[in-house]
Structure formats: C-alpha cells, structure tokens
C-alpha cells in the first residue's frame, strides 16, 4: 500500500501536513485557515471526507489557526494530550460539538489505520509533542518545534523512513539580524528552535539507508533560507565523510504553499 505525505505549509506563519493512503488521511497540525486546507487538498484531488482527524503538536497559533473551522464545518476530531487540549481551549473558541481526544505519551494509538505514538519534545509551550506514525513497514516522524533533540525524541527520529525535522535558523543570520536580544536568546535556547547546524549534525551522526526522505521544516522567514539550510546540511555531511548514494531524498518544505507529494511504497 502506498503512503502519501505532503506539506501544506511549514513555517512560523502556519504549519499543516497531510498523510494518507488510497482510502483515508490525517492532518498533522492545522496552523493555516481551514479554507486553505480544503483548497490545497482539493487541488490534489483529496476530498475532505477522507480526512479522519487532526493531530496537534502544541497550542501555538501557527499550529492551531484552522482548528475552529475544521472541527465545526468538517467535524474532524482532534487528537492531542490533556495538557495541550487545555491550552488549545484557552486560545480557540471551538464549537461545543468539537471532539478532542486525549492521547497518551509514548503509547501507541490508532487513527484511520495509522499506528501513532506521541513523544515529548523541548519547546517553550506548556507541552509540545512530535509524532511517530507507522503504516505497514513505513515509519514517519514529525518533529518541527524543538530547541534541541533530547533523549525522549531521538529514538523516534532515528528510526524514521521519512523524517520531517526543524531547521529553523542560520546562526549568523540570527545573530546579525534585527530581532531583539530576548527573542534571539529564546530562539537559540534549548526550548526554542532547532538551527541548521543542530539539525545537520544530528542527521550526519544518525543517517542510515532506512532514512529515505529528509524534509527540512519550519524555516524562519527572517533568519534562514532554503539555500542556507541545504548548504549547511551538505557541508556537514561532507565534513563527516558521508557520501549520499541516491537513497536519501532531501527537500526543504515551503513556508506558504504545498510541496510535492512524497510517495512511500511498501
């Protein structure tokens, strides 16, 4: 069975990802307007009727902006932890009919035939999680807001076939940029965001033939560019003596528009 993944948007202005097969699909985060989610999916000939739920990583607005419409108009259930649920309800006036299913950490649950496990990551929200999703023999890990890769997150990232990992900022662009000092400090902290060098170093140390797709995500509009992120990754690989043999496909996810559909077979 083929597994299809597509980023609808990835960045500080909004995050939303689609994962599906020929029968059903799910969304991971809903940080763009619900109308945009529907429009983007319909352009890919994916009906909203096939979407079985939304996984939410944390309550920051760039991850939940579209929840109100998606839960009200399309009756999509939301899957997240109890703590994140409480935070969401402080920021979003969801309809009374909205369904939020509380999920455990580091324990498997199922949505639409996908086996899913949420794991904690380090970010400056009351609670932030990543998702490790299995379908058949394929494993997808999504970790897009984290200040560093902790021991809780590392095992899930290492075992992915398709990895969506944050590569938020270029160190020099951030240091020399116009952001105030407190914001630069927050971004660079262990509970802020993952920079190009951090993501690249981890990938260089843990890359394997099982990891066939690397998607660099959540790039900063002001402190990074796709070219910088890729340059850092390839330079780090070169310094570590890693020669890519065509088994790893590397892409940078766009901030504002859907990317190409990635198909995993098997």
Protein backbone atom coordinates (compact mmCIF):
# COMPACT_ATOMS: atom_id res chain seq x y z
CA UNK A 1 0.00 0.00 0.00
CA UNK A 2 1.37 3.43 -0.95
CA UNK A 3 1.70 6.08 1.70
CA UNK A 4 1.44 9.72 0.65
CA UNK A 5 2.88 12.69 2.51
CA UNK A 6 2.62 16.37 1.64
CA UNK A 7 3.41 19.57 3.48
CA UNK A 8 0.65 22.14 3.00
CA UNK A 9 2.60 24.84 4.85
CA UNK A 10 5.67 24.85 7.07
CA UNK A 11 6.88 27.94 8.93
CA UNK A 12 6.13 30.47 11.64
CA UNK A 13 3.09 31.72 9.70
CA UNK A 14 1.46 28.30 9.66
CA UNK A 15 2.11 24.56 9.78
CA UNK A 16 -0.01 21.77 8.36
CA UNK A 17 0.90 18.36 6.93
CA UNK A 18 -1.12 15.67 5.17
CA UNK A 19 -0.52 11.93 5.46
CA UNK A 20 -2.73 9.43 3.73
CA UNK A 21 -3.26 6.30 1.67
CA UNK A 22 -5.75 5.45 -1.06
CA UNK A 23 -8.60 5.29 1.48
CA UNK A 24 -8.06 7.75 4.33
CA UNK A 25 -5.84 10.54 5.53
CA UNK A 26 -4.96 12.60 8.59
CA UNK A 27 -3.62 16.09 9.18
CA UNK A 28 -0.75 16.92 11.47
CA UNK A 29 -1.33 20.42 12.85
CA UNK A 30 -3.77 22.96 11.43
CA UNK A 31 -1.93 26.26 11.54
CA UNK A 32 -3.39 27.66 8.32
CA UNK A 33 -7.01 28.68 7.67
CA UNK A 34 -9.37 25.77 7.27
CA UNK A 35 -10.46 27.12 3.88
CA UNK A 36 -6.84 26.91 2.71
CA UNK A 37 -6.57 23.32 3.93
CA UNK A 38 -9.63 22.35 1.90
CA UNK A 39 -8.46 24.26 -1.18
CA UNK A 40 -4.97 22.76 -1.11
CA UNK A 41 -6.27 19.22 -0.66
CA UNK A 42 -8.90 19.57 -3.39
CA UNK A 43 -6.19 20.68 -5.83
CA UNK A 44 -4.53 17.33 -5.11
CA UNK A 45 -7.86 15.52 -5.64
CA UNK A 46 -8.13 14.70 -1.94
CA UNK A 47 -11.62 15.03 -0.50
CA UNK A 48 -12.12 16.41 3.00
CA UNK A 49 -14.44 13.44 3.54
CA UNK A 50 -11.38 11.16 3.58
CA UNK A 51 -9.70 13.08 6.42
CA UNK A 52 -10.22 11.18 9.66
CA UNK A 53 -8.67 13.54 12.19
CA UNK A 54 -6.06 16.14 13.14
CA UNK A 55 -3.01 15.50 15.30
CA UNK A 56 -1.90 18.61 17.19
CA UNK A 57 1.68 19.14 18.42
CA UNK A 58 1.07 22.20 20.66
CA UNK A 59 -1.12 25.26 21.12
CA UNK A 60 0.91 27.98 19.36
CA UNK A 61 -1.29 29.75 16.83
CA UNK A 62 0.82 28.71 13.83
CA UNK A 63 -0.26 25.13 14.63
CA UNK A 64 -3.96 25.57 15.51
CA UNK A 65 -5.23 28.56 13.46
CA UNK A 66 -7.57 26.43 11.34
CA UNK A 67 -8.99 24.23 14.09
CA UNK A 68 -12.23 26.12 14.65
CA UNK A 69 -13.44 25.75 11.07
CA UNK A 70 -12.09 22.24 10.56
CA UNK A 71 -13.80 20.91 13.68
CA UNK A 72 -17.05 22.80 13.11
CA UNK A 73 -17.61 22.55 9.35
CA UNK A 74 -16.00 19.18 8.71
CA UNK A 75 -16.50 17.61 12.16
CA UNK A 76 -12.88 16.47 12.30
CA UNK A 77 -11.79 15.03 15.66
CA UNK A 78 -8.62 16.38 17.23
CA UNK A 79 -6.02 14.14 18.85
CA UNK A 80 -3.63 15.61 21.41
CA UNK A 81 -2.61 15.36 25.06
CA UNK A 82 -4.67 16.56 28.01
CA UNK A 83 -2.31 19.45 28.72
CA UNK A 84 -2.29 20.62 25.11
CA UNK A 85 -6.08 20.28 24.97
CA UNK A 86 -6.41 22.63 27.94
CA UNK A 87 -4.07 25.13 26.28
CA UNK A 88 -5.92 24.99 22.97
CA UNK A 89 -9.24 25.77 24.63
CA UNK A 90 -7.69 28.92 26.14
CA UNK A 91 -6.82 30.24 22.68
CA UNK A 92 -9.56 28.85 20.43
CA UNK A 93 -13.31 29.14 20.81
CA UNK A 94 -14.15 25.74 19.44
CA UNK A 95 -17.77 24.75 18.96
CA UNK A 96 -19.33 22.69 21.78
CA UNK A 97 -19.64 19.83 19.31
CA UNK A 98 -15.88 19.72 18.69
CA UNK A 99 -14.28 16.40 19.66
CA UNK A 100 -10.84 16.47 21.26
CA UNK A 101 -9.50 13.01 22.02
CA UNK A 102 -6.86 12.93 24.74
CA UNK A 103 -3.92 10.74 23.80
CA UNK A 104 -1.12 9.26 25.93
CA UNK A 105 2.57 9.99 25.59
CA UNK A 106 4.85 7.24 24.29
CA UNK A 107 1.97 4.78 23.93
CA UNK A 108 0.55 3.67 20.60
CA UNK A 109 -2.95 4.54 19.42
CA UNK A 110 -4.70 4.22 16.07
CA UNK A 111 -6.41 6.67 13.75
CA UNK A 112 -7.67 5.62 10.32
CA UNK A 113 -5.41 2.58 10.26
CA UNK A 114 -2.27 4.51 11.19
CA UNK A 115 -0.38 3.42 14.30
CA UNK A 116 0.67 6.61 16.06
CA UNK A 117 2.88 7.41 19.01
CA UNK A 118 3.30 10.88 20.50
CA UNK A 119 6.61 11.77 22.13
CA UNK A 120 7.65 14.85 24.14
CA UNK A 121 9.98 17.46 22.68
CA UNK A 122 11.58 20.55 24.23
CA UNK A 123 9.84 23.77 23.21
CA UNK A 124 8.55 26.85 25.02
CA UNK A 125 4.93 25.81 25.30
CA UNK A 126 3.20 24.15 28.28
CA UNK A 127 3.65 20.89 26.37
CA UNK A 128 4.90 20.12 22.88
CA UNK A 129 4.97 16.75 21.16
CA UNK A 130 6.19 15.12 17.99
CA UNK A 131 4.54 12.22 16.21
CA UNK A 132 5.88 8.86 15.06
CA UNK A 133 3.46 7.26 12.61
CA UNK A 134 3.62 3.74 11.22
CA UNK A 135 1.75 2.31 8.27
CA UNK A 136 2.75 -1.13 7.12
CA UNK A 137 6.54 -1.22 7.15
CA UNK A 138 6.94 2.54 6.73
CA UNK A 139 7.62 4.96 9.57
CA UNK A 140 7.22 8.74 9.52
CA UNK A 141 8.47 11.06 12.25
CA UNK A 142 7.46 14.69 12.53
CA UNK A 143 9.43 16.94 14.89
CA UNK A 144 9.07 20.59 13.92
CA UNK A 145 9.34 22.76 17.07
CA UNK A 146 12.17 21.84 19.41
CA UNK A 147 15.14 23.63 20.92
CA UNK A 148 17.29 20.52 20.95
CA UNK A 149 16.92 16.81 20.29
CA UNK A 150 16.50 15.24 23.72
CA UNK A 151 16.71 11.58 24.72
CA UNK A 152 12.91 11.28 24.50
CA UNK A 153 12.79 12.42 20.89
CA UNK A 154 15.99 10.92 19.48
CA UNK A 155 14.85 7.26 19.18
CA UNK A 156 11.78 8.22 17.16
CA UNK A 157 13.80 10.44 14.84
CA UNK A 158 16.47 7.80 14.30
CA UNK A 159 14.04 5.09 13.17
CA UNK A 160 12.11 7.11 10.57
CA UNK A 161 11.95 6.31 6.87
CA UNK A 162 10.55 9.77 6.21
CA UNK A 163 11.67 12.49 8.60
CA UNK A 164 10.23 15.98 8.91
CA UNK A 165 12.68 17.87 11.10
CA UNK A 166 13.01 21.51 12.01
CA UNK A 167 15.89 23.51 10.54
CA UNK A 168 14.69 26.90 11.67
CA UNK A 169 17.57 29.35 11.57
CA UNK A 170 21.03 30.07 10.27
CA UNK A 171 23.22 31.00 13.23
CA UNK A 172 24.89 34.01 11.63
CA UNK A 173 21.68 35.36 10.13
CA UNK A 174 20.04 35.20 13.54
CA UNK A 175 22.97 36.77 15.42
CA UNK A 176 23.37 39.57 12.88
CA UNK A 177 19.66 40.10 12.28
CA UNK A 178 17.22 42.71 13.55
CA UNK A 179 15.49 40.62 16.23
CA UNK A 180 15.79 41.99 19.79
CA UNK A 181 18.21 40.18 22.09
CA UNK A 182 15.49 38.47 24.17
CA UNK A 183 13.96 36.92 21.04
CA UNK A 184 17.33 35.74 19.72
CA UNK A 185 18.01 34.18 23.10
CA UNK A 186 14.62 32.47 23.11
CA UNK A 187 15.09 31.04 19.61
CA UNK A 188 18.59 29.70 20.40
CA UNK A 189 17.62 28.23 23.78
CA UNK A 190 17.13 24.53 24.49
CA UNK A 191 13.38 25.19 24.46
CA UNK A 192 13.37 27.38 21.37
CA UNK A 193 14.03 26.19 17.84
CA UNK A 194 16.45 23.85 16.10
CA UNK A 195 19.05 25.58 13.95
CA UNK A 196 20.62 24.43 10.70
CA UNK A 197 23.82 23.24 12.37
CA UNK A 198 21.98 21.30 15.09
CA UNK A 199 19.70 19.51 12.64
CA UNK A 200 22.56 18.79 10.23
CA UNK A 201 24.87 17.46 12.93
CA UNK A 202 22.22 15.09 14.27
CA UNK A 203 21.41 13.83 10.79
CA UNK A 204 25.10 13.32 9.96
CA UNK A 205 25.57 11.24 13.10
CA UNK A 206 22.46 9.12 12.63
CA UNK A 207 21.82 8.78 8.91
CA UNK A 208 21.15 5.28 7.59
CA UNK A 209 19.85 3.59 4.47
CA UNK A 210 16.47 3.28 6.19
CA UNK A 211 16.09 7.06 6.14
CA UNK A 212 14.99 7.64 2.55
CA UNK A 213 13.38 11.10 2.80
CA UNK A 214 14.65 14.09 4.79
CA UNK A 215 12.33 17.11 4.86
CA UNK A 216 13.79 20.25 6.43
CA UNK A 217 10.90 22.13 8.01
CA UNK A 218 9.78 25.29 9.80
CA UNK A 219 12.43 27.58 8.23
CA UNK A 220 12.45 31.13 9.56
CA UNK A 221 11.40 33.83 7.12
CA UNK A 222 13.95 36.30 8.50
CA UNK A 223 16.79 34.13 9.76
CA UNK A 224 17.16 31.39 7.17
CA UNK A 225 16.85 30.48 3.51
CA UNK A 226 16.39 27.12 1.80
CA UNK A 227 19.82 27.58 0.27
CA UNK A 228 21.43 28.14 3.69
CA UNK A 229 19.72 25.10 5.20
CA UNK A 230 20.81 22.81 2.36
CA UNK A 231 24.33 24.26 2.24
CA UNK A 232 24.78 23.57 5.94
CA UNK A 233 23.46 20.04 5.63
CA UNK A 234 25.65 19.10 2.67
CA UNK A 235 28.72 20.75 4.22
CA UNK A 236 28.20 18.84 7.47
CA UNK A 237 27.78 15.58 5.58
CA UNK A 238 30.97 16.28 3.66
CA UNK A 239 32.92 17.04 6.83
CA UNK A 240 31.72 13.74 8.32
CA UNK A 241 32.72 11.83 5.19
CA UNK A 242 29.12 11.00 4.30
CA UNK A 243 28.55 10.38 0.61
CA UNK A 244 24.92 10.33 -0.43
CA UNK A 245 24.21 7.48 -2.82
CA UNK A 246 20.78 8.44 -4.03
CA UNK A 247 18.95 6.55 -1.28
CA UNK A 248 18.23 9.75 0.63
CA UNK A 249 15.98 12.33 -0.99
CA UNK A 250 16.37 15.73 0.67
CA UNK A 251 13.91 18.59 0.37
CA UNK A 252 13.10 21.90 2.05
CA UNK A 253 9.44 22.44 2.85
CA UNK A 254 7.92 25.69 1.62
CA UNK A 255 6.60 28.19 4.12
CA UNK A 256 3.44 29.20 2.28
CA UNK A 257 2.44 26.71 -0.39
CA UNK A 258 2.05 22.93 -0.62
CA UNK A 259 5.06 20.92 -1.61
CA UNK A 260 5.24 17.88 -3.85
CA UNK A 261 3.50 14.70 -2.78
CA UNK A 262 6.00 12.17 -1.45
CA UNK A 263 5.08 8.54 -2.02
CA UNK A 264 6.38 5.73 0.13
CA UNK A 265 5.77 2.25 -1.21
CA UNK A 266 5.55 -0.93 0.87
